[in-house]
Amino acid sequence: VAKKLEEAGVDGIDVGGAGGVSWAAVEHHRAREAGNKLKQKIGLTFWDWGIPTVISLIEVTSSTKLATIATGGVRTGIDITKAVALGARCVGIASPLLKPAVKGTEKVVEKLNNIIAELKTAMFLSGAKSTADLNKIPLVVTGRTAEWLRARGLEPETYARRGMEEKADF
């Protein structure tokens, strides 16, 4: 799909995937409120359905030149670091800010400061002085991510120009 979008002249793409909002889960809860047992069961069955964001990101950045936005399950500064290291131009983050948002602006700012501190620490520990440097650090694709890529006929060492560690499944 990303290649077709690129051929059509699209400049960028949001590669959100499983790991963020589960629309099947949303439908499960809606069905529960409506008393629809069948739709509740279907929502539970497909709760975790989808391609993880990290896989979507690797596939898009390794096969196109599209600017990418990584969303879906991005919750920490470490997740942001990994997404940018894999080629995301930027990230979308919502879930970690929703609960603080109910408590007020100060709590949102506090949470954002925590996420920024995590990002800065992960960059320091990776030897990256800027987010642009994250594209230069050597990373390795292992675990579930590597297994998934191999199952799709992609060698992580070849297709993931930049890789990630075992805990990279965000």
N, C-alpha and C. Protein backbone atom coordinates (compact mmCIF):
# COMPACT_ATOMS: atom_id res chain seq x y z
N VAL A 1 0.82 -1.18 0.00
CA VAL A 1 0.00 0.00 0.00
C VAL A 1 0.88 1.26 0.00
N ALA A 2 1.93 1.26 0.82
CA ALA A 2 2.81 2.44 0.91
C ALA A 2 3.45 2.73 -0.44
N LYS A 3 3.87 1.68 -1.14
CA LYS A 3 4.49 1.90 -2.46
C LYS A 3 3.48 2.52 -3.43
N LYS A 4 2.24 2.05 -3.39
CA LYS A 4 1.20 2.60 -4.27
C LYS A 4 0.92 4.06 -3.93
N LEU A 5 0.92 4.37 -2.64
CA LEU A 5 0.72 5.76 -2.23
C LEU A 5 1.87 6.63 -2.70
N GLU A 6 3.08 6.12 -2.59
CA GLU A 6 4.25 6.87 -3.05
C GLU A 6 4.16 7.11 -4.56
N GLU A 7 3.79 6.07 -5.30
CA GLU A 7 3.63 6.19 -6.76
C GLU A 7 2.54 7.20 -7.12
N ALA A 8 1.55 7.33 -6.26
CA ALA A 8 0.45 8.26 -6.51
C ALA A 8 0.82 9.70 -6.16
N GLY A 9 2.01 9.89 -5.59
CA GLY A 9 2.48 11.23 -5.29
C GLY A 9 2.36 11.67 -3.85
N VAL A 10 1.98 10.75 -2.96
CA VAL A 10 1.89 11.08 -1.54
C VAL A 10 3.30 11.31 -1.00
N ASP A 11 3.46 12.31 -0.15
CA ASP A 11 4.77 12.63 0.42
C ASP A 11 5.03 11.98 1.76
N GLY A 12 3.96 11.64 2.48
CA GLY A 12 4.13 11.09 3.82
C GLY A 12 3.01 10.15 4.18
N ILE A 13 3.25 9.38 5.24
CA ILE A 13 2.27 8.38 5.66
C ILE A 13 2.36 8.17 7.16
N ASP A 14 1.20 7.98 7.79
CA ASP A 14 1.13 7.61 9.20
C ASP A 14 1.12 6.09 9.23
N VAL A 15 2.12 5.50 9.87
CA VAL A 15 2.23 4.04 9.87
C VAL A 15 1.75 3.44 11.20
N GLY A 16 0.72 4.06 11.77
CA GLY A 16 0.15 3.52 12.99
C GLY A 16 -0.28 2.08 12.82
N GLY A 17 -0.12 1.31 13.85
CA GLY A 17 -0.49 -0.09 13.78
C GLY A 17 -0.99 -0.61 15.10
N ALA A 18 -1.10 -1.92 15.19
CA ALA A 18 -1.55 -2.56 16.42
C ALA A 18 -0.61 -2.16 17.56
N GLY A 19 -1.18 -1.95 18.70
CA GLY A 19 -0.41 -1.53 19.84
C GLY A 19 -0.97 -0.24 20.41
N GLY A 20 -1.71 0.46 19.61
CA GLY A 20 -2.36 1.69 20.05
C GLY A 20 -3.82 1.41 20.33
N VAL A 21 -4.68 2.30 19.90
CA VAL A 21 -6.11 2.13 20.11
C VAL A 21 -6.58 0.91 19.32
N SER A 22 -7.26 0.01 20.00
CA SER A 22 -7.87 -1.14 19.35
C SER A 22 -9.32 -0.80 19.07
N TRP A 23 -9.64 -0.62 17.80
CA TRP A 23 -11.01 -0.27 17.45
C TRP A 23 -11.94 -1.45 17.69
N ALA A 24 -11.40 -2.66 17.64
CA ALA A 24 -12.22 -3.82 17.99
C ALA A 24 -12.58 -3.76 19.47
N ALA A 25 -11.65 -3.30 20.31
CA ALA A 25 -11.93 -3.14 21.74
C ALA A 25 -12.99 -2.07 21.96
N VAL A 26 -12.89 -0.99 21.23
CA VAL A 26 -13.89 0.07 21.33
C VAL A 26 -15.27 -0.49 20.98
N GLU A 27 -15.33 -1.26 19.90
CA GLU A 27 -16.61 -1.85 19.48
C GLU A 27 -17.11 -2.87 20.50
N HIS A 28 -16.18 -3.61 21.13
CA HIS A 28 -16.56 -4.55 22.19
C HIS A 28 -17.27 -3.80 23.31
N HIS A 29 -16.69 -2.69 23.75
CA HIS A 29 -17.29 -1.92 24.84
C HIS A 29 -18.63 -1.30 24.44
N ARG A 30 -18.71 -0.84 23.21
CA ARG A 30 -19.99 -0.29 22.72
C ARG A 30 -21.06 -1.38 22.69
N ALA A 31 -20.66 -2.58 22.23
CA ALA A 31 -21.61 -3.70 22.16
C ALA A 31 -22.05 -4.14 23.55
N ARG A 32 -21.14 -4.09 24.51
CA ARG A 32 -21.47 -4.46 25.88
C ARG A 32 -22.53 -3.50 26.43
N GLU A 33 -22.35 -2.21 26.18
CA GLU A 33 -23.33 -1.22 26.63
C GLU A 33 -24.69 -1.43 25.96
N ALA A 34 -24.66 -1.90 24.71
CA ALA A 34 -25.90 -2.12 23.97
C ALA A 34 -26.50 -3.49 24.24
N GLY A 35 -25.74 -4.33 24.95
CA GLY A 35 -26.22 -5.68 25.25
C GLY A 35 -26.13 -6.65 24.08
N ASN A 36 -25.28 -6.37 23.11
CA ASN A 36 -25.12 -7.24 21.94
C ASN A 36 -23.99 -8.23 22.20
N LYS A 37 -24.34 -9.44 22.63
CA LYS A 37 -23.36 -10.46 23.02
C LYS A 37 -22.47 -10.90 21.84
N LEU A 38 -23.05 -11.03 20.66
CA LEU A 38 -22.26 -11.47 19.50
C LEU A 38 -21.17 -10.45 19.17
N LYS A 39 -21.53 -9.18 19.10
CA LYS A 39 -20.53 -8.14 18.79
C LYS A 39 -19.50 -8.00 19.90
N GLN A 40 -19.91 -8.25 21.15
CA GLN A 40 -18.95 -8.26 22.25
C GLN A 40 -17.90 -9.32 22.02
N LYS A 41 -18.36 -10.54 21.65
CA LYS A 41 -17.44 -11.66 21.43
C LYS A 41 -16.51 -11.37 20.25
N ILE A 42 -17.05 -10.81 19.19
CA ILE A 42 -16.22 -10.48 18.02
C ILE A 42 -15.17 -9.43 18.40
N GLY A 43 -15.58 -8.44 19.18
CA GLY A 43 -14.63 -7.43 19.64
C GLY A 43 -13.50 -8.04 20.44
N LEU A 44 -13.82 -8.99 21.31
CA LEU A 44 -12.78 -9.68 22.09
C LEU A 44 -11.87 -10.51 21.19
N THR A 45 -12.47 -11.20 20.22
CA THR A 45 -11.71 -12.06 19.32
C THR A 45 -10.68 -11.27 18.53
N PHE A 46 -11.05 -10.07 18.09
CA PHE A 46 -10.17 -9.27 17.22
C PHE A 46 -9.48 -8.13 17.97
N TRP A 47 -9.50 -8.16 19.28
CA TRP A 47 -8.95 -7.10 20.12
C TRP A 47 -7.51 -6.74 19.72
N ASP A 48 -6.67 -7.73 19.52
CA ASP A 48 -5.24 -7.51 19.21
C ASP A 48 -4.91 -7.69 17.74
N TRP A 49 -5.88 -7.65 16.88
CA TRP A 49 -5.68 -7.86 15.45
C TRP A 49 -4.88 -6.71 14.84
N GLY A 50 -3.99 -7.04 13.93
CA GLY A 50 -3.31 -6.00 13.18
C GLY A 50 -1.81 -6.19 13.12
N ILE A 51 -1.20 -5.37 12.34
CA ILE A 51 0.25 -5.37 12.18
C ILE A 51 0.83 -4.39 13.20
N PRO A 52 1.78 -4.85 14.03
CA PRO A 52 2.37 -3.93 15.00
C PRO A 52 3.00 -2.71 14.32
N THR A 53 2.94 -1.59 14.99
CA THR A 53 3.48 -0.34 14.46
C THR A 53 4.93 -0.50 14.02
N VAL A 54 5.73 -1.17 14.84
CA VAL A 54 7.16 -1.31 14.51
C VAL A 54 7.36 -2.04 13.18
N ILE A 55 6.56 -3.05 12.91
CA ILE A 55 6.66 -3.79 11.64
C ILE A 55 6.25 -2.88 10.49
N SER A 56 5.14 -2.18 10.66
CA SER A 56 4.68 -1.26 9.62
C SER A 56 5.75 -0.22 9.32
N LEU A 57 6.35 0.31 10.37
CA LEU A 57 7.38 1.33 10.20
C LEU A 57 8.59 0.79 9.44
N ILE A 58 9.08 -0.38 9.82
CA ILE A 58 10.23 -0.98 9.14
C ILE A 58 9.90 -1.24 7.68
N GLU A 59 8.72 -1.80 7.41
CA GLU A 59 8.36 -2.11 6.03
C GLU A 59 8.27 -0.84 5.17
N VAL A 60 7.67 0.21 5.71
CA VAL A 60 7.53 1.44 4.93
C VAL A 60 8.88 2.12 4.72
N THR A 61 9.69 2.25 5.78
CA THR A 61 10.96 2.95 5.64
C THR A 61 11.98 2.17 4.82
N SER A 62 11.81 0.86 4.74
CA SER A 62 12.77 0.07 3.96
C SER A 62 12.35 -0.08 2.50
N SER A 63 11.11 0.27 2.18
CA SER A 63 10.64 0.05 0.81
C SER A 63 10.21 1.34 0.09
N THR A 64 10.18 2.46 0.81
CA THR A 64 9.77 3.73 0.18
C THR A 64 10.65 4.86 0.71
N LYS A 65 10.47 6.01 0.11
CA LYS A 65 11.15 7.21 0.60
C LYS A 65 10.14 8.16 1.27
N LEU A 66 8.97 7.64 1.60
CA LEU A 66 7.93 8.45 2.23
C LEU A 66 8.35 8.94 3.61
N ALA A 67 8.02 10.17 3.93
CA ALA A 67 8.17 10.64 5.29
C ALA A 67 7.16 9.87 6.14
N THR A 68 7.59 9.40 7.29
CA THR A 68 6.71 8.57 8.10
C THR A 68 6.43 9.19 9.47
N ILE A 69 5.22 8.95 9.93
CA ILE A 69 4.81 9.31 11.28
C ILE A 69 4.48 7.98 11.96
N ALA A 70 5.11 7.70 13.08
CA ALA A 70 4.84 6.46 13.81
C ALA A 70 3.82 6.73 14.90
N THR A 71 2.70 6.02 14.86
CA THR A 71 1.68 6.13 15.90
C THR A 71 1.20 4.73 16.25
N GLY A 72 0.54 4.62 17.34
CA GLY A 72 -0.01 3.32 17.75
C GLY A 72 0.90 2.64 18.74
N GLY A 73 0.65 2.82 20.01
CA GLY A 73 1.44 2.16 21.04
C GLY A 73 2.69 2.90 21.43
N VAL A 74 2.90 4.08 20.90
CA VAL A 74 4.06 4.89 21.29
C VAL A 74 3.70 5.56 22.61
N ARG A 75 4.39 5.16 23.69
CA ARG A 75 4.00 5.63 25.01
C ARG A 75 5.12 6.27 25.82
N THR A 76 6.37 6.03 25.43
CA THR A 76 7.50 6.50 26.24
C THR A 76 8.55 7.17 25.37
N GLY A 77 9.49 7.82 26.04
CA GLY A 77 10.61 8.40 25.32
C GLY A 77 11.46 7.33 24.64
N ILE A 78 11.51 6.15 25.22
CA ILE A 78 12.25 5.05 24.59
C ILE A 78 11.55 4.63 23.30
N ASP A 79 10.22 4.55 23.32
CA ASP A 79 9.48 4.22 22.10
C ASP A 79 9.74 5.25 21.02
N ILE A 80 9.76 6.52 21.41
CA ILE A 80 10.04 7.59 20.44
C ILE A 80 11.43 7.43 19.87
N THR A 81 12.41 7.16 20.72
CA THR A 81 13.79 6.97 20.28
C THR A 81 13.87 5.85 19.25
N LYS A 82 13.24 4.74 19.54
CA LYS A 82 13.28 3.59 18.64
C LYS A 82 12.59 3.91 17.31
N ALA A 83 11.46 4.57 17.38
CA ALA A 83 10.73 4.90 16.16
C ALA A 83 11.56 5.82 15.26
N VAL A 84 12.19 6.83 15.84
CA VAL A 84 13.02 7.75 15.06
C VAL A 84 14.24 7.02 14.52
N ALA A 85 14.83 6.13 15.32
CA ALA A 85 15.98 5.35 14.85
C ALA A 85 15.60 4.46 13.67
N LEU A 86 14.35 4.06 13.60
CA LEU A 86 13.88 3.23 12.50
C LEU A 86 13.46 4.04 11.29
N GLY A 87 13.51 5.36 11.40
CA GLY A 87 13.22 6.19 10.24
C GLY A 87 11.99 7.06 10.33
N ALA A 88 11.26 7.01 11.44
CA ALA A 88 10.09 7.88 11.58
C ALA A 88 10.56 9.33 11.60
N ARG A 89 9.89 10.17 10.86
CA ARG A 89 10.20 11.60 10.85
C ARG A 89 9.67 12.25 12.12
N CYS A 90 8.53 11.73 12.60
CA CYS A 90 7.96 12.19 13.86
C CYS A 90 7.05 11.09 14.41
N VAL A 91 6.56 11.29 15.61
CA VAL A 91 5.69 10.29 16.24
C VAL A 91 4.42 10.96 16.74
N GLY A 92 3.39 10.14 16.88
CA GLY A 92 2.14 10.59 17.49
C GLY A 92 1.99 9.85 18.80
N ILE A 93 1.67 10.57 19.85
CA ILE A 93 1.53 9.94 21.16
C ILE A 93 0.27 10.50 21.82
N ALA A 94 -0.62 9.61 22.26
CA ALA A 94 -1.88 10.08 22.84
C ALA A 94 -2.19 9.41 24.17
N SER A 95 -2.17 8.11 24.20
CA SER A 95 -2.63 7.37 25.38
C SER A 95 -2.01 7.84 26.69
N PRO A 96 -0.69 8.04 26.76
CA PRO A 96 -0.11 8.46 28.04
C PRO A 96 -0.54 9.85 28.50
N LEU A 97 -1.14 10.62 27.59
CA LEU A 97 -1.54 11.99 27.94
C LEU A 97 -3.01 12.10 28.29
N LEU A 98 -3.79 11.05 28.02
CA LEU A 98 -5.23 11.15 28.26
C LEU A 98 -5.60 11.22 29.74
N LYS A 99 -5.04 10.33 30.55
CA LYS A 99 -5.37 10.37 31.99
C LYS A 99 -4.89 11.67 32.63
N PRO A 100 -3.64 12.11 32.36
CA PRO A 100 -3.22 13.40 32.92
C PRO A 100 -4.09 14.56 32.43
N ALA A 101 -4.58 14.48 31.20
CA ALA A 101 -5.40 15.57 30.66
C ALA A 101 -6.67 15.78 31.48
N VAL A 102 -7.21 14.72 32.02
CA VAL A 102 -8.42 14.82 32.84
C VAL A 102 -8.11 15.57 34.14
N LYS A 103 -6.86 15.47 34.59
CA LYS A 103 -6.47 16.10 35.86
C LYS A 103 -5.98 17.54 35.68
N GLY A 104 -5.80 17.96 34.42
CA GLY A 104 -5.41 19.34 34.19
C GLY A 104 -4.12 19.50 33.40
N THR A 105 -3.92 20.72 32.96
CA THR A 105 -2.77 21.06 32.12
C THR A 105 -1.44 20.75 32.81
N GLU A 106 -1.34 21.06 34.10
CA GLU A 106 -0.09 20.83 34.81
C GLU A 106 0.33 19.37 34.78
N LYS A 107 -0.63 18.46 34.88
CA LYS A 107 -0.33 17.02 34.85
C LYS A 107 0.13 16.60 33.46
N VAL A 108 -0.44 17.20 32.42
CA VAL A 108 -0.01 16.90 31.04
C VAL A 108 1.42 17.38 30.84
N VAL A 109 1.72 18.58 31.29
CA VAL A 109 3.08 19.12 31.17
C VAL A 109 4.07 18.23 31.93
N GLU A 110 3.68 17.78 33.12
CA GLU A 110 4.53 16.89 33.91
C GLU A 110 4.81 15.59 33.14
N LYS A 111 3.77 15.01 32.56
CA LYS A 111 3.94 13.76 31.80
C LYS A 111 4.82 13.99 30.58
N LEU A 112 4.59 15.09 29.87
CA LEU A 112 5.43 15.40 28.70
C LEU A 112 6.88 15.60 29.11
N ASN A 113 7.12 16.26 30.23
CA ASN A 113 8.49 16.43 30.71
C ASN A 113 9.14 15.09 31.01
N ASN A 114 8.37 14.15 31.57
CA ASN A 114 8.90 12.81 31.83
C ASN A 114 9.28 12.12 30.52
N ILE A 115 8.40 12.21 29.53
CA ILE A 115 8.65 11.58 28.23
C ILE A 115 9.89 12.20 27.57
N ILE A 116 10.01 13.52 27.66
CA ILE A 116 11.18 14.20 27.09
C ILE A 116 12.45 13.77 27.80
N ALA A 117 12.40 13.63 29.13
CA ALA A 117 13.57 13.17 29.88
C ALA A 117 13.95 11.75 29.47
N GLU A 118 12.96 10.89 29.25
CA GLU A 118 13.25 9.52 28.78
C GLU A 118 13.90 9.56 27.40
N LEU A 119 13.38 10.39 26.52
CA LEU A 119 13.93 10.52 25.17
C LEU A 119 15.38 10.99 25.24
N LYS A 120 15.64 12.03 26.01
CA LYS A 120 17.00 12.55 26.14
C LYS A 120 17.95 11.51 26.72
N THR A 121 17.48 10.76 27.71
CA THR A 121 18.32 9.73 28.33
C THR A 121 18.61 8.61 27.35
N ALA A 122 17.59 8.16 26.61
CA ALA A 122 17.79 7.10 25.62
C ALA A 122 18.75 7.56 24.53
N MET A 123 18.63 8.81 24.11
CA MET A 123 19.54 9.34 23.10
C MET A 123 20.96 9.39 23.65
N PHE A 124 21.14 9.85 24.88
CA PHE A 124 22.46 9.90 25.50
C PHE A 124 23.07 8.50 25.57
N LEU A 125 22.29 7.54 26.03
CA LEU A 125 22.78 6.18 26.17
C LEU A 125 23.09 5.52 24.82
N SER A 126 22.46 6.04 23.76
CA SER A 126 22.70 5.53 22.41
C SER A 126 23.83 6.27 21.71
N GLY A 127 24.34 7.33 22.34
CA GLY A 127 25.40 8.12 21.73
C GLY A 127 24.89 9.11 20.70
N ALA A 128 23.60 9.40 20.72
CA ALA A 128 23.01 10.33 19.75
C ALA A 128 22.92 11.71 20.38
N LYS A 129 23.52 12.70 19.70
CA LYS A 129 23.46 14.07 20.20
C LYS A 129 22.22 14.81 19.69
N SER A 130 21.61 14.27 18.65
CA SER A 130 20.39 14.86 18.09
C SER A 130 19.51 13.73 17.57
N THR A 131 18.25 14.05 17.30
CA THR A 131 17.38 13.01 16.75
C THR A 131 17.89 12.55 15.38
N ALA A 132 18.53 13.44 14.63
CA ALA A 132 19.10 13.04 13.33
C ALA A 132 20.19 11.99 13.52
N ASP A 133 20.92 12.06 14.64
CA ASP A 133 21.96 11.06 14.92
C ASP A 133 21.39 9.67 15.15
N LEU A 134 20.11 9.59 15.55
CA LEU A 134 19.51 8.28 15.80
C LEU A 134 19.49 7.42 14.54
N ASN A 135 19.46 8.05 13.37
CA ASN A 135 19.48 7.29 12.13
C ASN A 135 20.85 6.70 11.82
N LYS A 136 21.86 7.08 12.58
CA LYS A 136 23.23 6.63 12.32
C LYS A 136 23.70 5.57 13.31
N ILE A 137 22.98 5.41 14.41
CA ILE A 137 23.45 4.46 15.41
C ILE A 137 23.14 3.03 14.97
N PRO A 138 24.08 2.12 15.21
CA PRO A 138 23.84 0.73 14.83
C PRO A 138 22.86 0.07 15.79
N LEU A 139 21.82 -0.53 15.22
CA LEU A 139 20.82 -1.24 16.01
C LEU A 139 20.62 -2.62 15.42
N VAL A 140 19.99 -3.49 16.17
CA VAL A 140 19.78 -4.86 15.74
C VAL A 140 18.31 -5.22 15.90
N VAL A 141 17.75 -5.89 14.90
CA VAL A 141 16.37 -6.36 14.98
C VAL A 141 16.39 -7.80 15.50
N THR A 142 15.71 -8.04 16.62
CA THR A 142 15.66 -9.38 17.21
C THR A 142 14.24 -9.68 17.67
N GLY A 143 14.07 -10.83 18.30
CA GLY A 143 12.82 -11.19 18.94
C GLY A 143 11.63 -11.25 18.00
N ARG A 144 10.47 -10.88 18.55
CA ARG A 144 9.20 -10.93 17.80
C ARG A 144 9.26 -10.14 16.51
N THR A 145 9.94 -9.00 16.57
CA THR A 145 10.02 -8.14 15.38
C THR A 145 10.74 -8.87 14.26
N ALA A 146 11.90 -9.46 14.57
CA ALA A 146 12.67 -10.20 13.55
C ALA A 146 11.88 -11.40 13.04
N GLU A 147 11.21 -12.11 13.94
CA GLU A 147 10.40 -13.27 13.53
C GLU A 147 9.30 -12.84 12.56
N TRP A 148 8.63 -11.75 12.88
CA TRP A 148 7.54 -11.27 12.04
C TRP A 148 8.08 -10.91 10.66
N LEU A 149 9.18 -10.17 10.61
CA LEU A 149 9.76 -9.77 9.32
C LEU A 149 10.14 -11.00 8.50
N ARG A 150 10.77 -11.98 9.13
CA ARG A 150 11.15 -13.20 8.40
C ARG A 150 9.92 -13.93 7.88
N ALA A 151 8.86 -13.96 8.67
CA ALA A 151 7.62 -14.63 8.25
C ALA A 151 7.03 -13.95 7.02
N ARG A 152 7.30 -12.68 6.85
CA ARG A 152 6.82 -11.93 5.68
C ARG A 152 7.83 -11.95 4.55
N GLY A 153 8.90 -12.75 4.72
CA GLY A 153 9.89 -12.88 3.66
C GLY A 153 10.92 -11.77 3.63
N LEU A 154 11.04 -11.04 4.73
CA LEU A 154 12.01 -9.94 4.82
C LEU A 154 13.10 -10.31 5.82
N GLU A 155 14.34 -10.17 5.42
CA GLU A 155 15.44 -10.40 6.35
C GLU A 155 15.68 -9.12 7.13
N PRO A 156 15.57 -9.17 8.44
CA PRO A 156 15.75 -7.96 9.25
C PRO A 156 17.07 -7.23 8.97
N GLU A 157 18.12 -8.00 8.74
CA GLU A 157 19.43 -7.39 8.49
C GLU A 157 19.44 -6.61 7.19
N THR A 158 18.62 -7.00 6.22
CA THR A 158 18.60 -6.36 4.91
C THR A 158 17.58 -5.24 4.84
N TYR A 159 16.37 -5.51 5.28
CA TYR A 159 15.28 -4.57 5.08
C TYR A 159 15.15 -3.51 6.14
N ALA A 160 15.52 -3.80 7.35
CA ALA A 160 15.46 -2.79 8.39
C ALA A 160 16.78 -2.03 8.36
N ARG A 161 16.81 -0.97 7.61
CA ARG A 161 18.03 -0.16 7.50
C ARG A 161 18.55 0.18 8.87
N ARG A 162 17.63 0.35 9.78
CA ARG A 162 17.96 0.59 11.18
C ARG A 162 17.11 -0.40 11.95
N GLY A 163 17.68 -1.09 12.91
CA GLY A 163 16.95 -2.13 13.61
C GLY A 163 16.52 -1.73 15.00
N MET A 164 16.10 -2.70 15.77
CA MET A 164 15.72 -2.42 17.13
C MET A 164 15.91 -3.63 18.01
N GLU A 165 15.89 -3.42 19.30
CA GLU A 165 16.12 -4.46 20.28
C GLU A 165 14.85 -5.24 20.56
N GLU A 166 14.98 -6.28 21.36
CA GLU A 166 13.87 -7.14 21.74
C GLU A 166 12.66 -6.35 22.27
N LYS A 167 12.89 -5.33 23.07
CA LYS A 167 11.81 -4.58 23.68
C LYS A 167 11.23 -3.53 22.75
N ALA A 168 11.50 -3.66 21.46
CA ALA A 168 11.09 -2.63 20.52
C ALA A 168 9.64 -2.73 20.09
N ASP A 169 8.94 -3.77 20.48
CA ASP A 169 7.56 -3.94 20.05
C ASP A 169 6.67 -2.97 20.80
N PHE A 170 6.51 -1.77 20.27
CA PHE A 170 5.69 -0.77 20.93
C PHE A 170 4.34 -0.69 20.27
